[in-house]
């Protein structure tokens, strides 16, 4: 999309819904608008129905945990490329982000099939209640996405018809995508041949942190690939 078309597209969104959004940002070729939970339903309905917008399809909905957002635990550019040398002690530095907004948010990715545009909507979740309105009345596809966000983050969606866990086991305790949830989990499940049933026990494996894969876009990997092919 050329710069003129992008500017026209941004102006269209702001003209139609500017009174409902807190702020907006355009990065990586996509517009993001932020909305308060009390305005969420009205905004989403306008985005779906208004001329020039027509976001008929909800592509994705996901929860986000901003706990410790911006704090460094891994060196990437200034460390070696292998082993645990990239691991550093968590600390606050000048590069860290001082996060002042709520811990949890829900992000909606929308597609306008009519106009060929995409839009991202972010709504922060009130910290005291962890409740925001369900958008299933606007996009039916939100049903399972909201159940997933409830299961993994503990975010509750008001007026959802069937808000149950979707991915975890029956009786599961906690929300595994929260950053304070232990990587090894809290319990483990096994079949007991004596009792002839599945039983839960305290987790027995040792906590272990793996070095994340860091992808650097430089010529080294292109050269190595050429050598392997030759």
C-alpha atoms as a PDB file:
ATOM      1  CA  UNK A   1       0.000   0.000   0.000  1.00  0.00           C
ATOM      2  CA  UNK A   2       1.454   3.374  -0.991  1.00  0.00           C
ATOM      3  CA  UNK A   3       1.900   6.150   1.631  1.00  0.00           C
ATOM      4  CA  UNK A   4      -1.014   8.185   0.280  1.00  0.00           C
ATOM      5  CA  UNK A   5      -3.398   5.231   0.522  1.00  0.00           C
ATOM      6  CA  UNK A   6      -2.163   4.455   4.037  1.00  0.00           C
ATOM      7  CA  UNK A   7      -2.813   8.021   5.157  1.00  0.00           C
ATOM      8  CA  UNK A   8      -6.273   7.967   3.611  1.00  0.00           C
ATOM      9  CA  UNK A   9      -7.036   4.673   5.343  1.00  0.00           C
ATOM     10  CA  UNK A  10      -5.906   6.016   8.734  1.00  0.00           C
ATOM     11  CA  UNK A  11      -8.017   9.129   8.274  1.00  0.00           C
ATOM     12  CA  UNK A  12     -11.072   7.024   7.452  1.00  0.00           C
ATOM     13  CA  UNK A  13     -10.726   5.020  10.663  1.00  0.00           C
ATOM     14  CA  UNK A  14     -10.238   8.141  12.771  1.00  0.00           C
ATOM     15  CA  UNK A  15     -13.203   9.919  11.193  1.00  0.00           C
ATOM     16  CA  UNK A  16     -15.558   7.033  11.968  1.00  0.00           C
ATOM     17  CA  UNK A  17     -14.427   5.899  15.438  1.00  0.00           C
ATOM     18  CA  UNK A  18     -12.174   8.613  16.862  1.00  0.00           C
ATOM     19  CA  UNK A  19     -14.665   9.361  19.660  1.00  0.00           C
ATOM     20  CA  UNK A  20     -14.468   5.752  20.863  1.00  0.00           C
ATOM     21  CA  UNK A  21     -10.711   5.083  20.903  1.00  0.00           C
ATOM     22  CA  UNK A  22      -8.035   6.097  23.403  1.00  0.00           C
ATOM     23  CA  UNK A  23      -5.157   6.257  20.922  1.00  0.00           C
ATOM     24  CA  UNK A  24      -3.835   4.694  17.733  1.00  0.00           C
ATOM     25  CA  UNK A  25      -0.479   3.645  16.333  1.00  0.00           C
ATOM     26  CA  UNK A  26       0.735   2.607  12.892  1.00  0.00           C
ATOM     27  CA  UNK A  27       3.673   0.173  12.844  1.00  0.00           C
ATOM     28  CA  UNK A  28       4.837  -2.638  10.572  1.00  0.00           C
ATOM     29  CA  UNK A  29       2.219  -1.786   7.988  1.00  0.00           C
ATOM     30  CA  UNK A  30      -0.733  -2.221  10.345  1.00  0.00           C
ATOM     31  CA  UNK A  31      -2.923   0.175  12.297  1.00  0.00           C
ATOM     32  CA  UNK A  32      -3.602  -0.508  15.988  1.00  0.00           C
ATOM     33  CA  UNK A  33      -6.341   1.266  17.937  1.00  0.00           C
ATOM     34  CA  UNK A  34      -6.728   1.110  21.713  1.00  0.00           C
ATOM     35  CA  UNK A  35     -10.162   1.148  23.343  1.00  0.00           C
ATOM     36  CA  UNK A  36     -11.487   1.067  26.911  1.00  0.00           C
ATOM     37  CA  UNK A  37     -13.572  -1.957  27.856  1.00  0.00           C
ATOM     38  CA  UNK A  38     -16.742   0.100  28.322  1.00  0.00           C
ATOM     39  CA  UNK A  39     -16.517   1.269  24.689  1.00  0.00           C
ATOM     40  CA  UNK A  40     -15.466  -2.078  23.218  1.00  0.00           C
ATOM     41  CA  UNK A  41     -18.842  -3.338  21.979  1.00  0.00           C
ATOM     42  CA  UNK A  42     -19.833  -0.047  20.383  1.00  0.00           C
ATOM     43  CA  UNK A  43     -16.459   0.233  18.648  1.00  0.00           C
ATOM     44  CA  UNK A  44     -16.543  -3.326  17.324  1.00  0.00           C
ATOM     45  CA  UNK A  45     -20.057  -2.914  16.006  1.00  0.00           C
ATOM     46  CA  UNK A  46     -19.078   0.253  14.154  1.00  0.00           C
ATOM     47  CA  UNK A  47     -15.977  -1.418  12.746  1.00  0.00           C
ATOM     48  CA  UNK A  48     -18.155  -4.207  11.377  1.00  0.00           C
ATOM     49  CA  UNK A  49     -21.059  -2.146  10.040  1.00  0.00           C
ATOM     50  CA  UNK A  50     -19.832   1.338   9.091  1.00  0.00           C
ATOM     51  CA  UNK A  51     -19.322   2.221   5.426  1.00  0.00           C
ATOM     52  CA  UNK A  52     -15.632   2.434   4.582  1.00  0.00           C
ATOM     53  CA  UNK A  53     -14.736  -0.009   7.370  1.00  0.00           C
ATOM     54  CA  UNK A  54     -16.725  -3.266   7.027  1.00  0.00           C
ATOM     55  CA  UNK A  55     -14.512  -5.523   9.170  1.00  0.00           C
ATOM     56  CA  UNK A  56     -16.652  -8.564   8.630  1.00  0.00           C
ATOM     57  CA  UNK A  57     -14.188 -11.110   9.939  1.00  0.00           C
ATOM     58  CA  UNK A  58     -12.448 -11.620  13.273  1.00  0.00           C
ATOM     59  CA  UNK A  59      -9.202 -13.377  12.324  1.00  0.00           C
ATOM     60  CA  UNK A  60      -7.854 -13.878  15.838  1.00  0.00           C
ATOM     61  CA  UNK A  61      -8.336 -12.910  19.469  1.00  0.00           C
ATOM     62  CA  UNK A  62      -5.679 -13.466  22.101  1.00  0.00           C
ATOM     63  CA  UNK A  63      -4.739 -12.486  25.632  1.00  0.00           C
ATOM     64  CA  UNK A  64      -1.503 -10.678  26.517  1.00  0.00           C
ATOM     65  CA  UNK A  65       0.326 -10.614  29.859  1.00  0.00           C
ATOM     66  CA  UNK A  66       2.457  -7.470  30.189  1.00  0.00           C
ATOM     67  CA  UNK A  67       3.999  -8.522  33.491  1.00  0.00           C
ATOM     68  CA  UNK A  68       7.769  -7.730  33.457  1.00  0.00           C
ATOM     69  CA  UNK A  69       7.267  -6.255  29.976  1.00  0.00           C
ATOM     70  CA  UNK A  70      10.502  -4.771  28.630  1.00  0.00           C
ATOM     71  CA  UNK A  71      12.783  -6.244  31.301  1.00  0.00           C
ATOM     72  CA  UNK A  72      15.821  -8.074  29.923  1.00  0.00           C
ATOM     73  CA  UNK A  73      16.648 -11.674  30.756  1.00  0.00           C
ATOM     74  CA  UNK A  74      18.520 -12.635  27.590  1.00  0.00           C
ATOM     75  CA  UNK A  75      21.308 -10.983  25.648  1.00  0.00           C
ATOM     76  CA  UNK A  76      21.004 -11.333  21.904  1.00  0.00           C
ATOM     77  CA  UNK A  77      23.090  -8.959  19.814  1.00  0.00           C
ATOM     78  CA  UNK A  78      25.977  -8.470  22.273  1.00  0.00           C
ATOM     79  CA  UNK A  79      26.522 -12.093  23.289  1.00  0.00           C
ATOM     80  CA  UNK A  80      27.896 -15.199  21.630  1.00  0.00           C
ATOM     81  CA  UNK A  81      25.750 -17.341  19.403  1.00  0.00           C
ATOM     82  CA  UNK A  82      25.684 -20.539  21.452  1.00  0.00           C
ATOM     83  CA  UNK A  83      25.301 -22.109  24.849  1.00  0.00           C
ATOM     84  CA  UNK A  84      23.948 -20.426  27.943  1.00  0.00           C
ATOM     85  CA  UNK A  85      26.162 -17.353  27.555  1.00  0.00           C
ATOM     86  CA  UNK A  86      23.141 -15.363  26.438  1.00  0.00           C
ATOM     87  CA  UNK A  87      21.419 -15.800  29.788  1.00  0.00           C
ATOM     88  CA  UNK A  88      21.726 -12.857  32.180  1.00  0.00           C
ATOM     89  CA  UNK A  89      20.345 -12.082  35.599  1.00  0.00           C
ATOM     90  CA  UNK A  90      17.019 -10.213  35.382  1.00  0.00           C
ATOM     91  CA  UNK A  91      17.613  -6.558  36.132  1.00  0.00           C
ATOM     92  CA  UNK A  92      16.278  -3.116  35.435  1.00  0.00           C
ATOM     93  CA  UNK A  93      18.329  -1.139  32.919  1.00  0.00           C
ATOM     94  CA  UNK A  94      18.032   2.052  30.914  1.00  0.00           C
ATOM     95  CA  UNK A  95      16.656   0.026  28.004  1.00  0.00           C
ATOM     96  CA  UNK A  96      13.853  -1.484  30.085  1.00  0.00           C
ATOM     97  CA  UNK A  97      10.328  -0.196  29.625  1.00  0.00           C
ATOM     98  CA  UNK A  98       8.606   1.318  32.647  1.00  0.00           C
ATOM     99  CA  UNK A  99       5.171  -0.227  32.126  1.00  0.00           C
ATOM    100  CA  UNK A 100       2.349   1.809  33.681  1.00  0.00           C
ATOM    101  CA  UNK A 101      -0.710   0.252  32.045  1.00  0.00           C
ATOM    102  CA  UNK A 102      -2.766  -2.746  33.273  1.00  0.00           C
ATOM    103  CA  UNK A 103      -1.135  -6.153  33.257  1.00  0.00           C
ATOM    104  CA  UNK A 104      -3.576  -7.939  30.939  1.00  0.00           C
ATOM    105  CA  UNK A 105      -5.016  -6.994  27.564  1.00  0.00           C
ATOM    106  CA  UNK A 106      -7.028  -8.647  24.820  1.00  0.00           C
ATOM    107  CA  UNK A 107      -5.976  -8.099  21.200  1.00  0.00           C
ATOM    108  CA  UNK A 108      -8.363  -8.477  18.257  1.00  0.00           C
ATOM    109  CA  UNK A 109      -7.160  -8.925  14.666  1.00  0.00           C
ATOM    110  CA  UNK A 110      -9.793  -7.882  12.135  1.00  0.00           C
ATOM    111  CA  UNK A 111     -10.071  -8.264   8.356  1.00  0.00           C
ATOM    112  CA  UNK A 112     -12.217  -6.240   5.971  1.00  0.00           C
ATOM    113  CA  UNK A 113     -12.865  -8.521   3.024  1.00  0.00           C
ATOM    114  CA  UNK A 114     -14.786  -5.727   1.302  1.00  0.00           C
ATOM    115  CA  UNK A 115     -11.960  -3.179   1.461  1.00  0.00           C
ATOM    116  CA  UNK A 116      -8.911  -5.426   1.819  1.00  0.00           C
ATOM    117  CA  UNK A 117      -7.754  -3.826   5.087  1.00  0.00           C
ATOM    118  CA  UNK A 118      -6.553  -5.223   8.384  1.00  0.00           C
ATOM    119  CA  UNK A 119      -6.877  -3.661  11.829  1.00  0.00           C
ATOM    120  CA  UNK A 120      -5.663  -4.519  15.297  1.00  0.00           C
ATOM    121  CA  UNK A 121      -7.732  -3.537  18.355  1.00  0.00           C
ATOM    122  CA  UNK A 122      -6.266  -3.652  21.855  1.00  0.00           C
ATOM    123  CA  UNK A 123      -8.394  -3.488  24.987  1.00  0.00           C
ATOM    124  CA  UNK A 124      -6.816  -3.518  28.442  1.00  0.00           C
ATOM    125  CA  UNK A 125      -8.597  -5.614  31.040  1.00  0.00           C
ATOM    126  CA  UNK A 126      -9.606  -3.974  34.353  1.00  0.00           C
ATOM    127  CA  UNK A 127      -7.219  -5.423  36.937  1.00  0.00           C
ATOM    128  CA  UNK A 128      -9.748  -5.680  39.773  1.00  0.00           C
ATOM    129  CA  UNK A 129     -12.294  -7.772  37.898  1.00  0.00           C
ATOM    130  CA  UNK A 130     -10.435  -9.227  34.880  1.00  0.00           C
ATOM    131  CA  UNK A 131     -13.752  -8.947  33.037  1.00  0.00           C
ATOM    132  CA  UNK A 132     -14.397  -7.411  29.620  1.00  0.00           C
ATOM    133  CA  UNK A 133     -17.426  -7.741  27.309  1.00  0.00           C
ATOM    134  CA  UNK A 134     -17.686 -10.703  24.960  1.00  0.00           C
ATOM    135  CA  UNK A 135     -17.760  -9.887  21.232  1.00  0.00           C
ATOM    136  CA  UNK A 136     -19.460 -13.152  20.247  1.00  0.00           C
ATOM    137  CA  UNK A 137     -22.631 -11.211  19.413  1.00  0.00           C
ATOM    138  CA  UNK A 138     -20.636  -9.343  16.749  1.00  0.00           C
ATOM    139  CA  UNK A 139     -18.309 -12.062  15.450  1.00  0.00           C
ATOM    140  CA  UNK A 140     -19.347 -15.653  16.155  1.00  0.00           C
ATOM    141  CA  UNK A 141     -15.759 -16.804  15.619  1.00  0.00           C
ATOM    142  CA  UNK A 142     -14.836 -15.157  18.940  1.00  0.00           C
ATOM    143  CA  UNK A 143     -16.469 -18.032  20.831  1.00  0.00           C
ATOM    144  CA  UNK A 144     -13.503 -20.410  21.014  1.00  0.00           C
ATOM    145  CA  UNK A 145     -10.928 -17.611  21.036  1.00  0.00           C
ATOM    146  CA  UNK A 146     -12.484 -16.153  24.186  1.00  0.00           C
ATOM    147  CA  UNK A 147     -12.603 -19.573  25.828  1.00  0.00           C
ATOM    148  CA  UNK A 148      -8.912 -19.980  25.023  1.00  0.00           C
ATOM    149  CA  UNK A 149      -8.037 -16.581  26.542  1.00  0.00           C
ATOM    150  CA  UNK A 150     -10.069 -17.470  29.641  1.00  0.00           C
ATOM    151  CA  UNK A 151      -8.329 -20.814  29.967  1.00  0.00           C
ATOM    152  CA  UNK A 152      -4.771 -19.608  29.444  1.00  0.00           C
ATOM    153  CA  UNK A 153      -4.885 -16.133  31.022  1.00  0.00           C
ATOM    154  CA  UNK A 154      -7.907 -16.127  33.340  1.00  0.00           C
ATOM    155  CA  UNK A 155      -9.611 -13.264  31.493  1.00  0.00           C
ATOM    156  CA  UNK A 156     -13.386 -13.512  31.807  1.00  0.00           C
ATOM    157  CA  UNK A 157     -15.744 -12.434  29.031  1.00  0.00           C
ATOM    158  CA  UNK A 158     -19.071 -11.042  30.142  1.00  0.00           C
ATOM    159  CA  UNK A 159     -22.171 -12.444  28.374  1.00  0.00           C
ATOM    160  CA  UNK A 160     -20.258 -15.349  26.817  1.00  0.00           C
ATOM    161  CA  UNK A 161     -22.738 -18.225  26.485  1.00  0.00           C
ATOM    162  CA  UNK A 162     -20.386 -21.061  27.474  1.00  0.00           C
ATOM    163  CA  UNK A 163     -17.179 -19.819  29.090  1.00  0.00           C
ATOM    164  CA  UNK A 164     -15.366 -23.058  29.960  1.00  0.00           C
ATOM    165  CA  UNK A 165     -11.750 -24.113  29.771  1.00  0.00           C
ATOM    166  CA  UNK A 166     -10.766 -25.232  26.305  1.00  0.00           C
ATOM    167  CA  UNK A 167      -7.183 -26.599  26.287  1.00  0.00           C
ATOM    168  CA  UNK A 168      -6.338 -27.686  29.836  1.00  0.00           C
ATOM    169  CA  UNK A 169      -7.490 -30.771  31.709  1.00  0.00           C
ATOM    170  CA  UNK A 170     -10.581 -31.104  33.892  1.00  0.00           C
ATOM    171  CA  UNK A 171      -9.907 -29.638  37.323  1.00  0.00           C
ATOM    172  CA  UNK A 172      -6.793 -27.775  36.123  1.00  0.00           C
ATOM    173  CA  UNK A 173      -5.633 -25.093  38.537  1.00  0.00           C
ATOM    174  CA  UNK A 174      -4.114 -21.824  37.297  1.00  0.00           C
ATOM    175  CA  UNK A 175      -3.634 -20.230  33.902  1.00  0.00           C
ATOM    176  CA  UNK A 176      -0.533 -21.512  32.061  1.00  0.00           C
ATOM    177  CA  UNK A 177       0.135 -18.511  29.791  1.00  0.00           C
ATOM    178  CA  UNK A 178       0.525 -16.112  32.687  1.00  0.00           C
ATOM    179  CA  UNK A 179       4.158 -15.173  33.145  1.00  0.00           C
ATOM    180  CA  UNK A 180       4.143 -16.143  36.819  1.00  0.00           C
ATOM    181  CA  UNK A 181       2.943 -19.677  36.044  1.00  0.00           C
ATOM    182  CA  UNK A 182       5.860 -22.152  36.521  1.00  0.00           C
ATOM    183  CA  UNK A 183       7.292 -23.558  33.286  1.00  0.00           C
ATOM    184  CA  UNK A 184       7.300 -27.077  34.714  1.00  0.00           C
ATOM    185  CA  UNK A 185       3.683 -26.764  35.819  1.00  0.00           C
ATOM    186  CA  UNK A 186       2.296 -27.467  39.265  1.00  0.00           C
ATOM    187  CA  UNK A 187       1.174 -31.102  39.087  1.00  0.00           C
ATOM    188  CA  UNK A 188       1.682 -34.096  36.837  1.00  0.00           C
ATOM    189  CA  UNK A 189      -0.729 -36.827  35.806  1.00  0.00           C
ATOM    190  CA  UNK A 190      -0.038 -40.552  35.628  1.00  0.00           C
ATOM    191  CA  UNK A 191      -1.996 -43.785  35.495  1.00  0.00           C
ATOM    192  CA  UNK A 192      -1.816 -45.864  38.672  1.00  0.00           C
ATOM    193  CA  UNK A 193      -2.133 -49.575  37.860  1.00  0.00           C
ATOM    194  CA  UNK A 194      -2.934 -50.460  41.479  1.00  0.00           C
ATOM    195  CA  UNK A 195      -5.780 -48.003  41.849  1.00  0.00           C
ATOM    196  CA  UNK A 196      -6.676 -48.380  38.176  1.00  0.00           C
ATOM    197  CA  UNK A 197      -7.189 -44.669  37.672  1.00  0.00           C
ATOM    198  CA  UNK A 198      -5.328 -41.514  36.738  1.00  0.00           C
ATOM    199  CA  UNK A 199      -3.923 -39.602  39.689  1.00  0.00           C
ATOM    200  CA  UNK A 200      -2.354 -36.171  40.126  1.00  0.00           C
ATOM    201  CA  UNK A 201       0.946 -35.753  41.951  1.00  0.00           C
ATOM    202  CA  UNK A 202       3.304 -32.837  42.663  1.00  0.00           C
ATOM    203  CA  UNK A 203       5.516 -32.245  39.650  1.00  0.00           C
ATOM    204  CA  UNK A 204       8.763 -34.226  39.894  1.00  0.00           C
ATOM    205  CA  UNK A 205      10.937 -32.760  37.123  1.00  0.00           C
ATOM    206  CA  UNK A 206      13.545 -30.106  37.879  1.00  0.00           C
ATOM    207  CA  UNK A 207      13.018 -26.533  36.681  1.00  0.00           C
ATOM    208  CA  UNK A 208      15.105 -25.851  33.584  1.00  0.00           C
ATOM    209  CA  UNK A 209      15.498 -22.774  31.434  1.00  0.00           C
ATOM    210  CA  UNK A 210      16.382 -23.284  27.782  1.00  0.00           C
ATOM    211  CA  UNK A 211      18.202 -20.751  25.644  1.00  0.00           C
ATOM    212  CA  UNK A 212      15.672 -19.222  23.242  1.00  0.00           C
ATOM    213  CA  UNK A 213      16.420 -19.374  19.571  1.00  0.00           C
ATOM    214  CA  UNK A 214      17.567 -16.000  18.255  1.00  0.00           C
ATOM    215  CA  UNK A 215      17.292 -15.391  14.532  1.00  0.00           C
ATOM    216  CA  UNK A 216      19.695 -12.829  13.142  1.00  0.00           C
ATOM    217  CA  UNK A 217      19.106 -11.680   9.584  1.00  0.00           C
ATOM    218  CA  UNK A 218      22.650 -11.435   8.275  1.00  0.00           C
ATOM    219  CA  UNK A 219      24.868 -12.947   5.597  1.00  0.00           C
ATOM    220  CA  UNK A 220      26.352 -15.683   7.778  1.00  0.00           C
ATOM    221  CA  UNK A 221      23.338 -17.922   7.439  1.00  0.00           C
ATOM    222  CA  UNK A 222      23.105 -17.365   3.691  1.00  0.00           C
ATOM    223  CA  UNK A 223      26.755 -18.350   3.278  1.00  0.00           C
ATOM    224  CA  UNK A 224      26.391 -21.422   5.480  1.00  0.00           C
ATOM    225  CA  UNK A 225      23.364 -22.511   3.487  1.00  0.00           C
ATOM    226  CA  UNK A 226      25.307 -22.205   0.223  1.00  0.00           C
ATOM    227  CA  UNK A 227      28.175 -24.286   1.639  1.00  0.00           C
ATOM    228  CA  UNK A 228      25.761 -27.025   2.741  1.00  0.00           C
ATOM    229  CA  UNK A 229      24.153 -27.139  -0.682  1.00  0.00           C
ATOM    230  CA  UNK A 230      27.528 -27.355  -2.437  1.00  0.00           C
END
